Amino acid sequence: MLQLNTKTFNPELLYVFDCQNIGPATNQHHCHDFLELSIVLDGSVDYVIGDQKTRIPEKTLLLFNPGVYHHESYEAGMSATQLHIGFRNLTLHGVPRDRFPFTSSIIKLTDFEAQFFDVCKAILLEKATAYPGYDLMIKALVMKLIVLILRDSATSQLETNALKLSYEAQEKQVMIEHIIDYLEAHHDEEVSLSTLSQSLYMSPTYISRVFKEETGESPINYLIKIRLARAKALLKSNANVTVKEAANQVGYSDAFYFSKLFKKYYGKSPSTLLRRHK
């Protein structure tokens, strides 16, 4: 099984939706710059992946890496219900970021099929009921889907070394994991490139360059996201906390600066979020 680091396994969900399509119908050939998981819950559908057309039966999943062109079509009389999940920021040990190292996009689970589709039902129920915290619950369930995919013997047979990282690239990935571990553990403290450099015994310039290459953002921006995510969770879960207290708990001594950052990232102020959850 491909290895996961529990501290860096934190995919960002872009969308989760289900839909039912009835033929005749077809959609546009397209690709994404993120990962997409499409799950055929019932019925059947024709998928064109690249230039190859395949009929996909129920209880089959499709994993599309970024850049993989695909579209679905239905002949008259065909129909299918699907669950589509878009996500990014997936890190698997020894594999390029946002990639599954499988030889095929089409996967039919064996060992964990029943459990996988039970989780799909749980996702649909969370969406339908929309109880408080449903978005967090859906993310947790999607993470469970990914783990079940990786556990299944069907996917282990599809693994290919062609997409695996070189030794040098794996070393960089380990370094990134160490940096993220450090940022997570010390997010409520004073953190700078200098402190990271001293902790990892590497130059600030090298750390900044490699981190940006691997994650698409600087270590400090990544730290800001960690802090704001922690603050958002705190404000939503504790109606008695003040904005200043939330700011202090995630490493900001200036509540005004914290509020500006929060609004920039989430489109609303922390005080607005706090009022909604009181």
C-alpha atoms as a PDB file:
ATOM      1  CA  MET A   1       0.000   0.000   0.000  1.00  0.00           C
ATOM      2  CA  LEU A   2       1.143   3.542  -0.747  1.00  0.00           C
ATOM      3  CA  GLN A   3       2.249   5.285   2.427  1.00  0.00           C
ATOM      4  CA  LEU A   4       0.426   8.238   3.989  1.00  0.00           C
ATOM      5  CA  ASN A   5       1.833  10.720   6.475  1.00  0.00           C
ATOM      6  CA  THR A   6      -0.983  11.567   8.874  1.00  0.00           C
ATOM      7  CA  LYS A   7       0.429  15.050   9.463  1.00  0.00           C
ATOM      8  CA  THR A   8       0.570  15.988   5.777  1.00  0.00           C
ATOM      9  CA  PHE A   9      -2.435  14.010   4.507  1.00  0.00           C
ATOM     10  CA  ASN A  10      -4.876  16.880   4.299  1.00  0.00           C
ATOM     11  CA  PRO A  11      -6.478  17.096   0.849  1.00  0.00           C
ATOM     12  CA  GLU A  12      -8.427  20.229  -0.019  1.00  0.00           C
ATOM     13  CA  LEU A  13     -11.969  19.490  -1.183  1.00  0.00           C
ATOM     14  CA  LEU A  14     -13.091  21.524  -4.187  1.00  0.00           C
ATOM     15  CA  TYR A  15     -16.517  19.987  -4.730  1.00  0.00           C
ATOM     16  CA  VAL A  16     -18.656  16.998  -3.812  1.00  0.00           C
ATOM     17  CA  PHE A  17     -21.906  16.447  -5.698  1.00  0.00           C
ATOM     18  CA  ASP A  18     -24.074  13.640  -7.005  1.00  0.00           C
ATOM     19  CA  CYS A  19     -26.092  13.623 -10.205  1.00  0.00           C
ATOM     20  CA  GLN A  20     -28.283  11.353 -12.280  1.00  0.00           C
ATOM     21  CA  ASN A  21     -28.026  11.400 -16.069  1.00  0.00           C
ATOM     22  CA  ILE A  22     -30.320   9.760 -18.610  1.00  0.00           C
ATOM     23  CA  GLY A  23     -29.428   9.108 -22.236  1.00  0.00           C
ATOM     24  CA  PRO A  24     -29.072  10.082 -24.927  1.00  0.00           C
ATOM     25  CA  ALA A  25     -26.541  12.590 -23.631  1.00  0.00           C
ATOM     26  CA  THR A  26     -22.861  13.449 -23.801  1.00  0.00           C
ATOM     27  CA  ASN A  27     -20.623  16.073 -22.273  1.00  0.00           C
ATOM     28  CA  GLN A  28     -17.532  17.925 -23.424  1.00  0.00           C
ATOM     29  CA  HIS A  29     -14.084  16.307 -23.506  1.00  0.00           C
ATOM     30  CA  HIS A  30     -12.155  18.044 -20.733  1.00  0.00           C
ATOM     31  CA  CYS A  31      -9.472  17.744 -18.072  1.00  0.00           C
ATOM     32  CA  HIS A  32      -8.744  19.369 -14.709  1.00  0.00           C
ATOM     33  CA  ASP A  33      -5.713  20.847 -12.958  1.00  0.00           C
ATOM     34  CA  PHE A  34      -6.692  18.883  -9.845  1.00  0.00           C
ATOM     35  CA  LEU A  35      -7.706  15.305  -8.998  1.00  0.00           C
ATOM     36  CA  GLU A  36     -11.212  14.063  -9.661  1.00  0.00           C
ATOM     37  CA  LEU A  37     -12.850  10.933  -8.293  1.00  0.00           C
ATOM     38  CA  SER A  38     -16.019   9.895 -10.133  1.00  0.00           C
ATOM     39  CA  ILE A  39     -17.995   7.022  -8.623  1.00  0.00           C
ATOM     40  CA  VAL A  40     -20.728   5.165 -10.510  1.00  0.00           C
ATOM     41  CA  LEU A  41     -23.261   4.372  -7.793  1.00  0.00           C
ATOM     42  CA  ASP A  42     -25.793   2.661 -10.039  1.00  0.00           C
ATOM     43  CA  GLY A  43     -26.572   2.186 -13.722  1.00  0.00           C
ATOM     44  CA  SER A  44     -23.909   2.341 -16.405  1.00  0.00           C
ATOM     45  CA  VAL A  45     -22.140   5.041 -18.402  1.00  0.00           C
ATOM     46  CA  ASP A  46     -19.690   5.221 -21.298  1.00  0.00           C
ATOM     47  CA  TYR A  47     -16.480   7.085 -20.488  1.00  0.00           C
ATOM     48  CA  VAL A  48     -13.998   8.255 -23.089  1.00  0.00           C
ATOM     49  CA  ILE A  49     -10.605   8.545 -21.388  1.00  0.00           C
ATOM     50  CA  GLY A  50      -8.007   9.997 -23.721  1.00  0.00           C
ATOM     51  CA  ASP A  51      -9.257   8.494 -26.977  1.00  0.00           C
ATOM     52  CA  GLN A  52     -10.494   5.165 -25.613  1.00  0.00           C
ATOM     53  CA  LYS A  53     -14.163   4.490 -24.922  1.00  0.00           C
ATOM     54  CA  THR A  54     -15.152   2.084 -22.122  1.00  0.00           C
ATOM     55  CA  ARG A  55     -18.518   1.115 -20.685  1.00  0.00           C
ATOM     56  CA  ILE A  56     -18.412   1.607 -16.926  1.00  0.00           C
ATOM     57  CA  PRO A  57     -20.802  -0.504 -14.811  1.00  0.00           C
ATOM     58  CA  GLU A  58     -22.168   0.357 -11.386  1.00  0.00           C
ATOM     59  CA  LYS A  59     -19.892   0.228  -8.346  1.00  0.00           C
ATOM     60  CA  THR A  60     -16.895   1.303 -10.390  1.00  0.00           C
ATOM     61  CA  LEU A  61     -14.731   4.322  -9.646  1.00  0.00           C
ATOM     62  CA  LEU A  62     -12.675   6.509 -11.912  1.00  0.00           C
ATOM     63  CA  LEU A  63      -9.610   8.418 -10.732  1.00  0.00           C
ATOM     64  CA  PHE A  64      -8.516  11.215 -13.020  1.00  0.00           C
ATOM     65  CA  ASN A  65      -5.089  12.700 -12.454  1.00  0.00           C
ATOM     66  CA  PRO A  66      -4.600  16.343 -13.505  1.00  0.00           C
ATOM     67  CA  GLY A  67      -4.367  16.672 -17.278  1.00  0.00           C
ATOM     68  CA  VAL A  68      -6.222  13.431 -18.096  1.00  0.00           C
ATOM     69  CA  TYR A  69      -8.865  14.208 -20.735  1.00  0.00           C
ATOM     70  CA  HIS A  70     -12.194  12.470 -20.326  1.00  0.00           C
ATOM     71  CA  HIS A  71     -15.912  12.773 -20.885  1.00  0.00           C
ATOM     72  CA  GLU A  72     -19.022  10.689 -20.313  1.00  0.00           C
ATOM     73  CA  SER A  73     -21.845   9.764 -22.663  1.00  0.00           C
ATOM     74  CA  TYR A  74     -25.105   7.848 -22.566  1.00  0.00           C
ATOM     75  CA  GLU A  75     -26.918   6.025 -25.321  1.00  0.00           C
ATOM     76  CA  ALA A  76     -30.711   6.062 -25.418  1.00  0.00           C
ATOM     77  CA  GLY A  77     -32.046   3.972 -22.554  1.00  0.00           C
ATOM     78  CA  MET A  78     -28.872   4.275 -20.467  1.00  0.00           C
ATOM     79  CA  SER A  79     -28.756   6.052 -17.115  1.00  0.00           C
ATOM     80  CA  ALA A  80     -26.434   6.320 -14.136  1.00  0.00           C
ATOM     81  CA  THR A  81     -26.127   8.006 -10.762  1.00  0.00           C
ATOM     82  CA  GLN A  82     -22.648   9.261  -9.978  1.00  0.00           C
ATOM     83  CA  LEU A  83     -20.829  10.936  -7.118  1.00  0.00           C
ATOM     84  CA  HIS A  84     -18.146  13.401  -8.260  1.00  0.00           C
ATOM     85  CA  ILE A  85     -15.396  14.615  -5.918  1.00  0.00           C
ATOM     86  CA  GLY A  86     -12.753  17.178  -6.859  1.00  0.00           C
ATOM     87  CA  PHE A  87      -9.733  17.668  -4.620  1.00  0.00           C
ATOM     88  CA  ARG A  88      -6.093  18.712  -4.549  1.00  0.00           C
ATOM     89  CA  ASN A  89      -3.118  18.926  -2.180  1.00  0.00           C
ATOM     90  CA  LEU A  90      -2.793  15.135  -2.027  1.00  0.00           C
ATOM     91  CA  THR A  91       0.604  13.883  -0.876  1.00  0.00           C
ATOM     92  CA  LEU A  92       1.520  10.198  -1.109  1.00  0.00           C
ATOM     93  CA  HIS A  93       5.021   9.139  -0.091  1.00  0.00           C
ATOM     94  CA  GLY A  94       7.304   8.706  -3.086  1.00  0.00           C
ATOM     95  CA  VAL A  95       4.721  10.009  -5.565  1.00  0.00           C
ATOM     96  CA  PRO A  96       4.474  13.478  -7.158  1.00  0.00           C
ATOM     97  CA  ARG A  97       2.006  15.774  -5.449  1.00  0.00           C
ATOM     98  CA  ASP A  98      -1.584  15.449  -6.674  1.00  0.00           C
ATOM     99  CA  ARG A  99      -1.007  12.144  -8.453  1.00  0.00           C
ATOM    100  CA  PHE A 100      -2.192   8.570  -8.080  1.00  0.00           C
ATOM    101  CA  PRO A 101       0.460   6.196  -9.529  1.00  0.00           C
ATOM    102  CA  PHE A 102      -1.967   3.792 -11.191  1.00  0.00           C
ATOM    103  CA  THR A 103      -1.793   2.403 -14.722  1.00  0.00           C
ATOM    104  CA  SER A 104      -5.531   2.854 -15.229  1.00  0.00           C
ATOM    105  CA  SER A 105      -8.109   5.477 -14.326  1.00  0.00           C
ATOM    106  CA  ILE A 106     -10.767   2.756 -14.009  1.00  0.00           C
ATOM    107  CA  ILE A 107     -10.833   0.901 -10.697  1.00  0.00           C
ATOM    108  CA  LYS A 108     -13.064  -1.935  -9.527  1.00  0.00           C
ATOM    109  CA  LEU A 109     -12.498  -2.489  -5.824  1.00  0.00           C
ATOM    110  CA  THR A 110     -12.473  -5.970  -4.305  1.00  0.00           C
ATOM    111  CA  ASP A 111     -11.569  -6.227  -0.608  1.00  0.00           C
ATOM    112  CA  PHE A 112     -13.111  -2.926   0.491  1.00  0.00           C
ATOM    113  CA  GLU A 113     -15.895  -2.445  -2.066  1.00  0.00           C
ATOM    114  CA  ALA A 114     -18.798  -2.792   0.390  1.00  0.00           C
ATOM    115  CA  GLN A 115     -17.196  -0.478   2.941  1.00  0.00           C
ATOM    116  CA  PHE A 116     -16.322   2.060   0.230  1.00  0.00           C
ATOM    117  CA  PHE A 117     -19.900   2.344  -1.020  1.00  0.00           C
ATOM    118  CA  ASP A 118     -21.249   2.522   2.535  1.00  0.00           C
ATOM    119  CA  VAL A 119     -19.061   5.615   2.973  1.00  0.00           C
ATOM    120  CA  CYS A 120     -20.489   7.032  -0.277  1.00  0.00           C
ATOM    121  CA  LYS A 121     -23.989   6.630   1.187  1.00  0.00           C
ATOM    122  CA  ALA A 122     -22.837   8.407   4.352  1.00  0.00           C
ATOM    123  CA  ILE A 123     -21.553  11.326   2.248  1.00  0.00           C
ATOM    124  CA  LEU A 124     -24.908  11.641   0.467  1.00  0.00           C
ATOM    125  CA  LEU A 125     -26.718  11.553   3.817  1.00  0.00           C
ATOM    126  CA  GLU A 126     -24.489  14.312   5.217  1.00  0.00           C
ATOM    127  CA  LYS A 127     -25.211  16.456   2.150  1.00  0.00           C
ATOM    128  CA  ALA A 128     -28.953  15.851   2.417  1.00  0.00           C
ATOM    129  CA  THR A 129     -29.268  16.580   6.145  1.00  0.00           C
ATOM    130  CA  ALA A 130     -26.645  19.361   6.297  1.00  0.00           C
ATOM    131  CA  TYR A 131     -26.385  19.247  10.072  1.00  0.00           C
ATOM    132  CA  PRO A 132     -23.857  21.613  11.716  1.00  0.00           C
ATOM    133  CA  GLY A 133     -20.355  20.503  10.825  1.00  0.00           C
ATOM    134  CA  TYR A 134     -21.516  18.509   7.778  1.00  0.00           C
ATOM    135  CA  ASP A 135     -18.758  19.993   5.605  1.00  0.00           C
ATOM    136  CA  LEU A 136     -16.095  18.758   8.020  1.00  0.00           C
ATOM    137  CA  MET A 137     -17.780  15.359   8.213  1.00  0.00           C
ATOM    138  CA  ILE A 138     -17.851  15.105   4.413  1.00  0.00           C
ATOM    139  CA  LYS A 139     -14.142  15.910   4.233  1.00  0.00           C
ATOM    140  CA  ALA A 140     -13.409  13.192   6.801  1.00  0.00           C
ATOM    141  CA  LEU A 141     -15.484  10.709   4.800  1.00  0.00           C
ATOM    142  CA  VAL A 142     -13.718  11.613   1.547  1.00  0.00           C
ATOM    143  CA  MET A 143     -10.376  11.059   3.270  1.00  0.00           C
ATOM    144  CA  LYS A 144     -11.685   7.642   4.303  1.00  0.00           C
ATOM    145  CA  LEU A 145     -12.582   6.887   0.671  1.00  0.00           C
ATOM    146  CA  ILE A 146      -9.015   7.679  -0.386  1.00  0.00           C
ATOM    147  CA  VAL A 147      -7.563   5.405   2.309  1.00  0.00           C
ATOM    148  CA  LEU A 148      -9.876   2.548   1.271  1.00  0.00           C
ATOM    149  CA  ILE A 149      -8.781   2.967  -2.348  1.00  0.00           C
ATOM    150  CA  LEU A 150      -5.142   2.720  -1.321  1.00  0.00           C
ATOM    151  CA  ARG A 151      -5.788  -0.303   0.924  1.00  0.00           C
ATOM    152  CA  ASP A 152      -7.541  -2.379  -1.716  1.00  0.00           C
ATOM    153  CA  SER A 153      -5.570  -5.132  -3.437  1.00  0.00           C
ATOM    154  CA  ALA A 154      -7.102  -4.103  -6.767  1.00  0.00           C
ATOM    155  CA  THR A 155      -5.248  -0.771  -6.699  1.00  0.00           C
ATOM    156  CA  SER A 156      -1.992  -2.327  -5.483  1.00  0.00           C
ATOM    157  CA  GLN A 157      -1.997  -4.380  -8.690  1.00  0.00           C
ATOM    158  CA  LEU A 158      -2.358  -1.171 -10.720  1.00  0.00           C
ATOM    159  CA  GLU A 159       0.589   0.629  -9.110  1.00  0.00           C
ATOM    160  CA  THR A 160       3.345   1.649 -11.491  1.00  0.00           C
ATOM    161  CA  ASN A 161       6.882   2.825 -10.870  1.00  0.00           C
ATOM    162  CA  ALA A 162       6.631   5.119 -13.896  1.00  0.00           C
ATOM    163  CA  LEU A 163       5.088   7.870 -11.777  1.00  0.00           C
ATOM    164  CA  LYS A 164       7.220   7.279  -8.694  1.00  0.00           C
ATOM    165  CA  LEU A 165       9.670   9.971  -7.651  1.00  0.00           C
ATOM    166  CA  SER A 166      13.429   9.702  -7.978  1.00  0.00           C
ATOM    167  CA  TYR A 167      15.487   9.335  -4.800  1.00  0.00           C
ATOM    168  CA  GLU A 168      16.396  13.037  -4.914  1.00  0.00           C
ATOM    169  CA  ALA A 169      12.750  14.031  -5.342  1.00  0.00           C
ATOM    170  CA  GLN A 170      11.741  11.756  -2.472  1.00  0.00           C
ATOM    171  CA  GLU A 171      14.336  13.467  -0.277  1.00  0.00           C
ATOM    172  CA  LYS A 172      12.748  16.814  -1.125  1.00  0.00           C
ATOM    173  CA  GLN A 173       9.318  15.419  -0.311  1.00  0.00           C
ATOM    174  CA  VAL A 174      10.559  14.253   3.096  1.00  0.00           C
ATOM    175  CA  MET A 175      11.992  17.726   3.701  1.00  0.00           C
ATOM    176  CA  ILE A 176       8.618  19.295   2.863  1.00  0.00           C
ATOM    177  CA  GLU A 177       6.924  16.907   5.295  1.00  0.00           C
ATOM    178  CA  HIS A 178       9.379  17.948   8.027  1.00  0.00           C
ATOM    179  CA  ILE A 179       8.671  21.627   7.331  1.00  0.00           C
ATOM    180  CA  ILE A 180       4.909  21.085   7.472  1.00  0.00           C
ATOM    181  CA  ASP A 181       5.278  19.064  10.677  1.00  0.00           C
ATOM    182  CA  TYR A 182       7.235  21.960  12.182  1.00  0.00           C
ATOM    183  CA  LEU A 183       4.685  24.562  11.054  1.00  0.00           C
ATOM    184  CA  GLU A 184       1.799  22.498  12.458  1.00  0.00           C
ATOM    185  CA  ALA A 185       3.550  21.985  15.800  1.00  0.00           C
ATOM    186  CA  HIS A 186       4.718  25.604  16.203  1.00  0.00           C
ATOM    187  CA  HIS A 187       1.933  27.531  14.451  1.00  0.00           C
ATOM    188  CA  ASP A 188       1.132  29.432  17.668  1.00  0.00           C
ATOM    189  CA  GLU A 189       4.729  30.618  18.079  1.00  0.00           C
ATOM    190  CA  GLU A 190       6.979  33.122  16.313  1.00  0.00           C
ATOM    191  CA  VAL A 191       8.011  31.329  13.115  1.00  0.00           C
ATOM    192  CA  SER A 192      10.223  32.701  10.348  1.00  0.00           C
ATOM    193  CA  LEU A 193      12.439  31.355   7.586  1.00  0.00           C
ATOM    194  CA  SER A 194      15.303  31.849  10.001  1.00  0.00           C
ATOM    195  CA  THR A 195      13.765  29.586  12.669  1.00  0.00           C
ATOM    196  CA  LEU A 196      12.949  26.978  10.012  1.00  0.00           C
ATOM    197  CA  SER A 197      16.522  27.182   8.758  1.00  0.00           C
ATOM    198  CA  GLN A 198      17.924  26.618  12.242  1.00  0.00           C
ATOM    199  CA  SER A 199      15.560  23.704  12.849  1.00  0.00           C
ATOM    200  CA  LEU A 200      16.361  21.911   9.576  1.00  0.00           C
ATOM    201  CA  TYR A 201      20.013  22.975   9.239  1.00  0.00           C
ATOM    202  CA  MET A 202      19.367  24.287   5.722  1.00  0.00           C
ATOM    203  CA  SER A 203      19.629  27.724   4.195  1.00  0.00           C
ATOM    204  CA  PRO A 204      16.487  29.905   4.204  1.00  0.00           C
ATOM    205  CA  THR A 205      16.813  30.435   0.441  1.00  0.00           C
ATOM    206  CA  TYR A 206      16.900  26.691  -0.275  1.00  0.00           C
ATOM    207  CA  ILE A 207      13.965  25.991   2.048  1.00  0.00           C
ATOM    208  CA  SER A 208      11.870  28.736   0.473  1.00  0.00           C
ATOM    209  CA  ARG A 209      12.676  27.676  -3.103  1.00  0.00           C
ATOM    210  CA  VAL A 210      12.049  23.946  -2.656  1.00  0.00           C
ATOM    211  CA  PHE A 211       8.877  24.483  -0.604  1.00  0.00           C
ATOM    212  CA  LYS A 212       7.470  26.809  -3.281  1.00  0.00           C
ATOM    213  CA  GLU A 213       8.370  24.321  -6.037  1.00  0.00           C
ATOM    214  CA  GLU A 214       6.674  21.431  -4.241  1.00  0.00           C
ATOM    215  CA  THR A 215       3.595  23.133  -2.761  1.00  0.00           C
ATOM    216  CA  GLY A 216       3.077  26.204  -4.919  1.00  0.00           C
ATOM    217  CA  GLU A 217       3.383  28.630  -2.007  1.00  0.00           C
ATOM    218  CA  SER A 218       5.919  29.952   0.468  1.00  0.00           C
ATOM    219  CA  PRO A 219       6.384  28.415   3.939  1.00  0.00           C
ATOM    220  CA  ILE A 220       5.037  31.586   5.563  1.00  0.00           C
ATOM    221  CA  ASN A 221       1.880  31.582   3.423  1.00  0.00           C
ATOM    222  CA  TYR A 222       1.401  27.936   4.324  1.00  0.00           C
ATOM    223  CA  LEU A 223       1.760  28.871   8.002  1.00  0.00           C
ATOM    224  CA  ILE A 224      -0.873  31.588   7.592  1.00  0.00           C
ATOM    225  CA  LYS A 225      -3.303  29.022   6.160  1.00  0.00           C
ATOM    226  CA  ILE A 226      -2.672  26.677   9.086  1.00  0.00           C
ATOM    227  CA  ARG A 227      -3.252  29.470  11.593  1.00  0.00           C
ATOM    228  CA  LEU A 228      -6.421  30.727   9.937  1.00  0.00           C
ATOM    229  CA  ALA A 229      -7.858  27.222   9.576  1.00  0.00           C
ATOM    230  CA  ARG A 230      -7.220  26.586  13.281  1.00  0.00           C
ATOM    231  CA  ALA A 231      -8.788  29.938  14.178  1.00  0.00           C
ATOM    232  CA  LYS A 232     -11.834  29.264  12.007  1.00  0.00           C
ATOM    233  CA  ALA A 233     -12.378  25.882  13.658  1.00  0.00           C
ATOM    234  CA  LEU A 234     -12.011  27.482  17.090  1.00  0.00           C
ATOM    235  CA  LEU A 235     -14.493  30.275  16.343  1.00  0.00           C
ATOM    236  CA  LYS A 236     -17.055  27.808  14.982  1.00  0.00           C
ATOM    237  CA  SER A 237     -16.748  25.390  17.900  1.00  0.00           C
ATOM    238  CA  ASN A 238     -16.498  27.803  20.849  1.00  0.00           C
ATOM    239  CA  ALA A 239     -19.086  30.571  21.039  1.00  0.00           C
ATOM    240  CA  ASN A 240     -17.460  31.995  24.182  1.00  0.00           C
ATOM    241  CA  VAL A 241     -14.085  32.746  22.626  1.00  0.00           C
ATOM    242  CA  THR A 242     -13.335  36.323  21.543  1.00  0.00           C
ATOM    243  CA  VAL A 243     -11.624  37.319  18.308  1.00  0.00           C
ATOM    244  CA  LYS A 244      -8.602  38.506  20.276  1.00  0.00           C
ATOM    245  CA  GLU A 245      -8.381  35.191  22.137  1.00  0.00           C
ATOM    246  CA  ALA A 246      -8.645  33.248  18.897  1.00  0.00           C
ATOM    247  CA  ALA A 247      -5.906  35.400  17.363  1.00  0.00           C
ATOM    248  CA  ASN A 248      -3.616  34.854  20.345  1.00  0.00           C
ATOM    249  CA  GLN A 249      -4.188  31.100  20.347  1.00  0.00           C
ATOM    250  CA  VAL A 250      -2.998  30.748  16.747  1.00  0.00           C
ATOM    251  CA  GLY A 251       0.026  33.015  17.048  1.00  0.00           C
ATOM    252  CA  TYR A 252      -1.212  36.552  16.331  1.00  0.00           C
ATOM    253  CA  SER A 253      -0.783  39.246  18.980  1.00  0.00           C
ATOM    254  CA  ASP A 254      -2.485  41.883  16.810  1.00  0.00           C
ATOM    255  CA  ALA A 255      -6.211  41.095  16.571  1.00  0.00           C
ATOM    256  CA  PHE A 256      -6.766  43.781  13.907  1.00  0.00           C
ATOM    257  CA  TYR A 257      -4.105  42.282  11.616  1.00  0.00           C
ATOM    258  CA  PHE A 258      -5.542  38.819  12.251  1.00  0.00           C
ATOM    259  CA  SER A 259      -9.037  40.029  11.307  1.00  0.00           C
ATOM    260  CA  LYS A 260      -7.755  41.545   8.044  1.00  0.00           C
ATOM    261  CA  LEU A 261      -6.012  38.296   7.093  1.00  0.00           C
ATOM    262  CA  PHE A 262      -9.059  36.242   8.046  1.00  0.00           C
ATOM    263  CA  LYS A 263     -11.390  38.339   5.895  1.00  0.00           C
ATOM    264  CA  LYS A 264      -8.944  38.239   2.977  1.00  0.00           C
ATOM    265  CA  TYR A 265      -8.849  34.423   3.027  1.00  0.00           C
ATOM    266  CA  TYR A 266     -12.457  33.608   3.928  1.00  0.00           C
ATOM    267  CA  GLY A 267     -14.386  36.606   2.632  1.00  0.00           C
ATOM    268  CA  LYS A 268     -15.894  37.408   6.029  1.00  0.00           C
ATOM    269  CA  SER A 269     -14.557  38.733   9.297  1.00  0.00           C
ATOM    270  CA  PRO A 270     -13.969  36.475  12.319  1.00  0.00           C
ATOM    271  CA  SER A 271     -16.528  38.479  14.302  1.00  0.00           C
ATOM    272  CA  THR A 272     -19.164  37.738  11.634  1.00  0.00           C
ATOM    273  CA  LEU A 273     -18.380  34.032  11.841  1.00  0.00           C
ATOM    274  CA  LEU A 274     -18.560  34.186  15.620  1.00  0.00           C
ATOM    275  CA  ARG A 275     -21.993  35.851  15.567  1.00  0.00           C
ATOM    276  CA  ARG A 276     -23.355  33.175  13.230  1.00  0.00           C
ATOM    277  CA  HIS A 277     -22.390  30.390  15.613  1.00  0.00           C
ATOM    278  CA  LYS A 278     -23.668  31.948  18.837  1.00  0.00           C
END
